Structures are given as C-alpha cells and as structure tokens.
Amino acid sequence: MGATARYVLPLKGKTYDVQPLPPSQPVPQAPVTVAEVAPPAAPAAATEPVAADTAPAATASTGDTAAAPATTSKPPRTASAHRGAAKPAAGTRLPATPRAVTPAASGPALAGEGRIETSNQASENAYRRALGSLQDGRVSEAIAGLQAVLRNNPKHEAARQTLVGLLIEAKREDEAMVQLQQALTLDPRQPAMAMLLARLQIERGQPGIDTLLRTLPYASGKGEYHAFLGGALQRQGRYREAADQYQTALRSAPDNAVWWMGLGLALQAEKRNAEAADALRRASSLGTLNPELQAFVERKLAQVSPQ
C-alpha cells in the first residue's frame, strides 16, 4: 500500500499535496527544523519518478479521491514542515488505493477465464500463423503449417488452396496432386480444383478426363470448364464428345475465337467439313487470334472449304 501511495500521489504534478493539520491539533508556534521530524526515506519516496506507461492507468483509477486538492487554506509552513507532514498525509489516502489496483489486478485473470478454443478456432489460428510465416518469407515453415492445418481439419478450403499454390510454385507437383485429389474426394463440387488437377495430370501424360467428368455435373454454365474438357477429349480422339463440349462452352461466350477454332477442328476430325468450315470461318472473322493461330486457322479453313 505504501508503494501504491508513492505512485499515485505525484500524478498531479506536485510531490505531495499535504492536508493542513486538523483543527483539534495545535499549530506549532515556531518553525520545525528538518533535524527534528524529517525521516530520511520520506524525500526519496516523494521524489521517485512515475514510469510513463503507468501514469494513464493510475490517473484513471484513482478518480476524484487522488485528484481533489485541499480546500482549507494552509497556514504558513516551512519546507521542512511540509516534508515532515508528508508521512501522515500519505497515510490518510491509503484507503483509496484498493480501488486503483484491484481492477488492474483482476482484469487479466477474468479475460481468459472460461475460454475454450474450439477445433475450428484452432484451425483458423494455425492457418493465420502459416500465413504469417509466408509473409515473412519462410515458405517451408508455411507449407508445414498448412499441412498441419489440413491434418486437423481436412475441409479447410483456404488452407488447401494456399498449400497447393505453394507446392506448385516450389515444383512439388506430385504433392500438389495428392492435395487436389484429397480435396475432390471430400467435395467434388470444386470445378477450379478439378481443372487444376486435370492440367497437372495432362502434363504428365495422363488423360485427366475422368477427373473432369466427375466434377462436370457441378460445372453448369462454366464455359471455360466445358472448353477445357473439350480439349482433353480431343487429345484422346473423342471428337464427337469434344464438339459437344465446345458447343456448350460457346453458348456462354459466343465470341471466343479459340473455342470456335477447337470446335472446327473437332468437326473436321469427324468429317463434318461444312460445319467445320463455318466454325473456322467464325474463329477467323472475330480477329482476336494471335498471328500464329490466325494463320493456322486459315490453313485449316482451306482444307475443309469446298473448292
């Protein structure tokens, strides 16, 4: 309590605000000397500085009790008398100090009392820590953290997507494919994941068609998905199915010259030259192909057009 008084009293910019003696106590007629009453420790306590970071809390906690100045006029006193009276004055303010320290002491204990971290909260916190590692450039640590998140919560889609991107960037495509397969096994309604997995499979010489067909029912209206599946089917010689997928894709984006070109090639392979010529002509007329593809379409158009 003495330490509390030492920190509270100097906050108003004065060493001590000494109350006058009670009326019942006779006022000394002669000045009191320092040698008679001044204890050695009192000046040190009065002049001890208050830490800057504790000042706002102490000021807010003491309220009116610490801030109220004395209203009774003071009799003339010497500096030594003020110092001698400091000890009783500090004692008169001690009852107010429990209100200053009690909230601060009980606050931290109450803040964590009864809090239980759920599984989802733990996964989210671990995911944020992994992102923090990634932002700091610790990629390996971020990958390990994301893998730990998915072991505890396999349905954390954001962690899965981030992890797949990091693995591909790190040239660890096989691990990325495993993550994508696990994601689609848990939930096949993810066209973007299916396209990415199929692309990686095609790059390794696999068809990728089965992956795309499993998610096809959930890709309605996604022209890019249908066009990608059309290209995969075309590479495997399944031209009729490829043409159907390109036609479905073009219903959502009728001005996509690349998809018109794909349709024309699939129809040409099916010996449907008249339809192929129309598709290739449409691709050429849109004027959005790069010079190399434009020249390729012109050559194919010459092959299927009637002489």
Protein backbone atom coordinates (compact mmCIF):
# COMPACT_ATOMS: atom_id res chain seq x y z
CA MET A 1 0.00 0.00 0.00
CA GLY A 2 2.90 2.35 0.67
CA ALA A 3 4.18 1.62 -2.84
CA THR A 4 0.74 2.40 -4.26
CA ALA A 5 0.60 5.75 -2.50
CA ARG A 6 4.07 6.54 -3.80
CA TYR A 7 2.87 6.00 -7.38
CA VAL A 8 -0.49 7.74 -7.04
CA LEU A 9 0.37 10.94 -5.24
CA PRO A 10 2.84 12.57 -7.68
CA LEU A 11 0.43 12.32 -10.65
CA LYS A 12 -0.90 15.85 -10.35
CA GLY A 13 2.48 17.45 -10.92
CA LYS A 14 3.39 18.01 -7.26
CA THR A 15 5.48 16.00 -4.83
CA TYR A 16 2.88 15.94 -2.05
CA ASP A 17 -0.40 17.73 -1.55
CA VAL A 18 -0.30 17.91 2.22
CA GLN A 19 -3.56 18.38 4.11
CA PRO A 20 -3.49 21.01 6.92
CA LEU A 21 -3.47 19.78 10.44
CA PRO A 22 -6.90 19.03 11.95
CA PRO A 23 -8.38 21.90 13.95
CA SER A 24 -8.08 19.95 17.17
CA GLN A 25 -4.29 19.73 16.90
CA PRO A 26 -2.42 22.88 17.98
CA VAL A 27 -0.40 24.57 15.30
CA PRO A 28 3.28 24.89 16.25
CA GLN A 29 4.28 28.45 17.01
CA ALA A 30 7.83 28.10 15.77
CA PRO A 31 9.09 26.53 12.51
CA VAL A 32 10.04 22.91 12.83
CA THR A 33 13.56 22.07 11.78
CA VAL A 34 14.48 19.28 9.42
CA ALA A 35 16.52 17.51 12.06
CA GLU A 36 13.52 17.19 14.36
CA VAL A 37 10.92 15.43 12.16
CA ALA A 38 12.08 14.75 8.63
CA PRO A 39 12.67 10.98 8.21
CA PRO A 40 15.40 10.15 5.67
CA ALA A 41 13.13 7.93 3.49
CA ALA A 42 10.28 10.42 3.03
CA PRO A 43 12.01 12.73 0.48
CA ALA A 44 13.16 9.73 -1.56
CA ALA A 45 9.60 8.40 -1.73
CA ALA A 46 8.22 11.80 -2.65
CA THR A 47 10.66 12.42 -5.47
CA GLU A 48 10.63 8.91 -7.02
CA PRO A 49 9.56 9.31 -10.70
CA VAL A 50 6.49 7.57 -12.04
CA ALA A 51 7.00 5.33 -15.08
CA ALA A 52 5.49 6.93 -18.19
CA ASP A 53 3.47 3.87 -19.16
CA THR A 54 1.81 3.60 -15.69
CA ALA A 55 0.67 7.19 -15.47
CA PRO A 56 -2.55 6.95 -17.55
CA ALA A 57 -3.80 3.85 -15.73
CA ALA A 58 -3.12 5.30 -12.31
CA THR A 59 -4.79 8.60 -13.16
CA ALA A 60 -7.90 6.88 -14.46
CA SER A 61 -8.14 4.54 -11.49
CA THR A 62 -7.72 6.94 -8.56
CA GLY A 63 -10.63 9.10 -9.62
CA ASP A 64 -11.68 12.07 -7.52
CA THR A 65 -10.00 10.84 -4.35
CA ALA A 66 -6.46 11.32 -5.67
CA ALA A 67 -7.23 14.38 -7.76
CA ALA A 68 -9.13 16.52 -5.20
CA PRO A 69 -6.93 19.33 -3.81
CA ALA A 70 -7.26 20.54 -0.25
CA THR A 71 -9.90 23.27 0.11
CA THR A 72 -8.90 24.58 3.54
CA SER A 73 -6.41 27.43 3.47
CA LYS A 74 -2.96 26.37 4.59
CA PRO A 75 -1.16 28.10 7.45
CA PRO A 76 2.33 29.36 6.67
CA ARG A 77 4.75 26.45 6.90
CA THR A 78 8.38 25.96 6.06
CA ALA A 79 9.67 23.45 3.53
CA SER A 80 10.90 21.25 6.33
CA ALA A 81 7.45 21.17 7.90
CA HIS A 82 5.91 20.04 4.61
CA ARG A 83 8.32 17.20 4.38
CA GLY A 84 7.71 16.24 7.96
CA ALA A 85 3.94 16.14 7.42
CA ALA A 86 4.23 14.04 4.26
CA LYS A 87 4.09 10.70 6.02
CA PRO A 88 0.76 11.27 7.86
CA ALA A 89 -0.76 12.79 4.69
CA ALA A 90 0.14 9.74 2.67
CA GLY A 91 -1.45 7.55 5.29
CA THR A 92 -4.72 9.43 5.08
CA ARG A 93 -5.03 8.50 1.37
CA LEU A 94 -4.31 4.80 1.69
CA PRO A 95 -7.98 3.67 1.89
CA ALA A 96 -8.46 4.89 -1.69
CA THR A 97 -5.68 2.73 -3.17
CA PRO A 98 -7.51 -0.64 -3.27
CA ARG A 99 -9.87 0.83 -5.88
CA ALA A 100 -6.85 1.79 -8.01
CA VAL A 101 -5.14 -1.60 -8.03
CA THR A 102 -7.99 -4.08 -7.78
CA PRO A 103 -9.40 -3.74 -11.38
CA ALA A 104 -5.97 -3.90 -12.95
CA ALA A 105 -5.03 -6.97 -10.95
CA SER A 106 -8.26 -8.83 -11.66
CA GLY A 107 -8.53 -7.88 -15.36
CA PRO A 108 -6.09 -10.42 -16.88
CA ALA A 109 -7.49 -13.24 -14.81
CA LEU A 110 -11.04 -12.51 -15.94
CA ALA A 111 -10.06 -12.09 -19.59
CA GLY A 112 -9.06 -15.71 -20.02
CA GLU A 113 -11.45 -17.25 -17.54
CA GLY A 114 -13.71 -19.93 -19.00
CA ARG A 115 -12.47 -19.60 -22.61
CA ILE A 116 -12.20 -22.84 -24.58
CA GLU A 117 -10.73 -22.87 -28.08
CA THR A 118 -12.86 -24.91 -30.47
CA SER A 119 -11.45 -27.11 -33.22
CA ASN A 120 -12.42 -24.60 -35.91
CA GLN A 121 -10.83 -21.75 -33.97
CA ALA A 122 -7.63 -23.75 -33.54
CA SER A 123 -7.52 -24.48 -37.27
CA GLU A 124 -8.11 -20.84 -38.13
CA ASN A 125 -5.40 -19.67 -35.74
CA ALA A 126 -2.94 -22.20 -37.17
CA TYR A 127 -3.84 -21.08 -40.70
CA ARG A 128 -3.14 -17.45 -39.79
CA ARG A 129 0.21 -18.40 -38.28
CA ALA A 130 1.11 -20.20 -41.51
CA LEU A 131 0.18 -17.08 -43.49
CA GLY A 132 2.38 -15.05 -41.17
CA SER A 133 5.29 -17.37 -41.91
CA LEU A 134 4.62 -16.99 -45.62
CA GLN A 135 4.58 -13.21 -45.36
CA ASP A 136 7.93 -13.36 -43.60
CA GLY A 137 9.36 -15.43 -46.46
CA ARG A 138 9.55 -18.69 -44.50
CA VAL A 139 7.95 -20.81 -47.24
CA SER A 140 8.95 -24.22 -45.89
CA GLU A 141 7.58 -23.34 -42.48
CA ALA A 142 4.35 -22.07 -44.09
CA ILE A 143 3.94 -25.33 -46.05
CA ALA A 144 4.45 -27.40 -42.89
CA GLY A 145 1.95 -25.24 -41.03
CA LEU A 146 -0.69 -25.59 -43.76
CA GLN A 147 -0.20 -29.35 -43.86
CA ALA A 148 -0.77 -29.44 -40.11
CA VAL A 149 -3.97 -27.44 -40.51
CA LEU A 150 -5.30 -29.92 -43.07
CA ARG A 151 -4.43 -32.90 -40.91
CA ASN A 152 -6.62 -31.47 -38.16
CA ASN A 153 -9.29 -30.02 -40.46
CA PRO A 154 -9.26 -31.56 -43.98
CA LYS A 155 -12.15 -29.33 -45.09
CA HIS A 156 -10.27 -26.06 -44.59
CA GLU A 157 -10.51 -24.93 -48.24
CA ALA A 158 -8.43 -21.77 -47.90
CA ALA A 159 -5.53 -23.71 -46.38
CA ARG A 160 -5.80 -26.34 -49.13
CA GLN A 161 -5.78 -23.79 -51.95
CA THR A 162 -2.85 -21.90 -50.45
CA LEU A 163 -0.89 -25.08 -49.91
CA VAL A 164 -1.49 -26.30 -53.50
CA GLY A 165 -0.29 -22.98 -54.88
CA LEU A 166 2.88 -23.10 -52.78
CA LEU A 167 3.62 -26.69 -53.75
CA ILE A 168 3.24 -25.95 -57.46
CA GLU A 169 5.43 -22.87 -57.15
CA ALA A 170 8.05 -24.98 -55.38
CA LYS A 171 7.95 -27.55 -58.24
CA ARG A 172 6.43 -30.17 -55.94
CA GLU A 173 3.63 -31.07 -58.34
CA ASP A 174 3.20 -34.64 -57.12
CA GLU A 175 2.40 -33.42 -53.62
CA ALA A 176 0.07 -30.80 -55.08
CA MET A 177 -1.80 -33.51 -57.00
CA VAL A 178 -2.26 -35.52 -53.80
CA GLN A 179 -3.75 -32.48 -52.09
CA LEU A 180 -6.07 -31.83 -55.03
CA GLN A 181 -7.25 -35.44 -55.11
CA GLN A 182 -7.99 -35.34 -51.39
CA ALA A 183 -9.95 -32.11 -51.83
CA LEU A 184 -12.09 -33.56 -54.64
CA THR A 185 -12.66 -36.78 -52.71
CA LEU A 186 -14.08 -34.78 -49.83
CA ASP A 187 -16.09 -32.49 -52.10
CA PRO A 188 -16.25 -32.97 -55.90
CA ARG A 189 -18.14 -29.69 -56.33
CA GLN A 190 -14.96 -27.73 -56.99
CA PRO A 191 -14.51 -27.12 -60.74
CA ALA A 192 -11.41 -24.99 -60.30
CA MET A 193 -9.67 -27.73 -58.31
CA ALA A 194 -10.70 -30.35 -60.87
CA MET A 195 -9.33 -28.27 -63.76
CA LEU A 196 -6.04 -27.74 -61.98
CA LEU A 197 -5.67 -31.43 -61.15
CA ALA A 198 -6.55 -32.40 -64.74
CA ARG A 199 -4.00 -29.93 -66.08
CA LEU A 200 -1.26 -31.43 -63.93
CA GLN A 201 -2.30 -34.92 -64.99
CA ILE A 202 -2.23 -33.98 -68.69
CA GLU A 203 1.26 -32.50 -68.26
CA ARG A 204 2.36 -35.93 -67.02
CA GLY A 205 0.83 -37.75 -69.95
CA GLN A 206 -2.41 -38.75 -68.25
CA PRO A 207 -5.80 -38.04 -69.87
CA GLY A 208 -7.29 -36.03 -67.00
CA ILE A 209 -10.74 -36.78 -68.42
CA ASP A 210 -12.03 -38.86 -65.52
CA THR A 211 -11.17 -36.06 -63.12
CA LEU A 212 -13.10 -33.56 -65.23
CA LEU A 213 -16.10 -35.82 -65.78
CA ARG A 214 -16.55 -36.41 -62.04
CA THR A 215 -16.96 -32.69 -61.44
CA LEU A 216 -18.82 -31.94 -64.69
CA PRO A 217 -22.30 -32.04 -63.04
CA TYR A 218 -21.22 -29.14 -60.82
CA ALA A 219 -19.78 -27.01 -63.64
CA SER A 220 -23.01 -25.96 -65.28
CA GLY A 221 -22.68 -22.63 -67.06
CA LYS A 222 -18.88 -22.56 -66.77
CA GLY A 223 -17.75 -22.21 -70.36
CA GLU A 224 -14.08 -22.47 -69.56
CA TYR A 225 -14.62 -25.82 -67.86
CA HIS A 226 -16.51 -27.25 -70.85
CA ALA A 227 -13.91 -25.96 -73.31
CA PHE A 228 -11.10 -27.45 -71.23
CA LEU A 229 -12.89 -30.79 -71.16
CA GLY A 230 -13.43 -30.50 -74.93
CA GLY A 231 -9.70 -30.07 -75.45
CA ALA A 232 -8.91 -33.08 -73.23
CA LEU A 233 -11.40 -35.24 -75.14
CA GLN A 234 -10.00 -34.05 -78.46
CA ARG A 235 -6.47 -35.06 -77.48
CA GLN A 236 -7.77 -38.57 -76.78
CA GLY A 237 -9.53 -38.80 -80.17
CA ARG A 238 -13.02 -38.48 -78.72
CA TYR A 239 -14.01 -35.84 -81.28
CA ARG A 240 -17.78 -36.08 -81.07
CA GLU A 241 -17.78 -35.59 -77.33
CA ALA A 242 -15.26 -32.80 -77.76
CA ALA A 243 -17.50 -31.00 -80.25
CA ASP A 244 -20.42 -31.23 -77.82
CA GLN A 245 -18.37 -29.67 -75.04
CA TYR A 246 -17.14 -26.83 -77.28
CA GLN A 247 -20.69 -26.07 -78.35
CA THR A 248 -21.79 -25.96 -74.72
CA ALA A 249 -18.92 -23.61 -73.91
CA LEU A 250 -19.75 -21.27 -76.80
CA ARG A 251 -23.29 -20.80 -75.56
CA SER A 252 -21.84 -18.89 -72.61
CA ALA A 253 -19.20 -16.98 -74.65
CA PRO A 254 -20.13 -16.85 -78.37
CA ASP A 255 -17.22 -14.53 -79.24
CA ASN A 256 -14.40 -16.77 -78.06
CA ALA A 257 -12.33 -17.37 -81.19
CA VAL A 258 -10.18 -20.09 -79.62
CA TRP A 259 -13.24 -22.16 -78.74
CA TRP A 260 -14.60 -21.75 -82.29
CA MET A 261 -11.27 -23.00 -83.58
CA GLY A 262 -11.44 -26.03 -81.25
CA LEU A 263 -14.96 -26.80 -82.44
CA GLY A 264 -13.87 -26.53 -86.08
CA LEU A 265 -11.00 -28.95 -85.55
CA ALA A 266 -13.22 -31.47 -83.75
CA LEU A 267 -15.83 -31.29 -86.54
CA GLN A 268 -13.13 -31.65 -89.21
CA ALA A 269 -11.89 -34.82 -87.49
CA GLU A 270 -15.47 -36.11 -87.59
CA LYS A 271 -15.57 -35.42 -91.37
CA ARG A 272 -18.25 -32.81 -90.88
CA ASN A 273 -16.46 -30.42 -93.18
CA ALA A 274 -19.29 -27.96 -93.84
CA GLU A 275 -19.86 -27.42 -90.13
CA ALA A 276 -16.12 -27.30 -89.57
CA ALA A 277 -15.74 -24.59 -92.22
CA ASP A 278 -18.43 -22.47 -90.55
CA ALA A 279 -16.75 -22.78 -87.18
CA LEU A 280 -13.29 -21.98 -88.51
CA ARG A 281 -14.61 -19.06 -90.52
CA ARG A 282 -16.21 -17.65 -87.40
CA ALA A 283 -12.94 -18.03 -85.49
CA SER A 284 -11.05 -16.17 -88.23
CA SER A 285 -13.57 -13.35 -88.54
CA LEU A 286 -13.50 -12.40 -84.87
CA GLY A 287 -9.96 -11.08 -85.28
CA THR A 288 -8.85 -11.91 -81.75
CA LEU A 289 -6.41 -14.74 -82.52
CA ASN A 290 -2.69 -14.12 -82.40
CA PRO A 291 -0.91 -14.18 -85.80
CA GLU A 292 0.26 -17.77 -85.41
CA LEU A 293 -3.20 -19.12 -84.61
CA GLN A 294 -4.77 -16.95 -87.29
CA ALA A 295 -2.50 -18.46 -89.93
CA PHE A 296 -3.23 -21.96 -88.60
CA VAL A 297 -7.00 -21.40 -88.85
CA GLU A 298 -6.65 -20.10 -92.42
CA ARG A 299 -4.80 -23.26 -93.45
CA LYS A 300 -7.42 -25.49 -91.85
CA LEU A 301 -10.19 -23.48 -93.43
CA ALA A 302 -8.65 -24.01 -96.84
CA GLN A 303 -8.67 -27.79 -96.22
CA VAL A 304 -12.36 -28.03 -95.38
CA SER A 305 -13.78 -25.36 -97.68
CA PRO A 306 -15.34 -26.55 -100.96
CA GLN A 307 -13.08 -26.00 -103.99
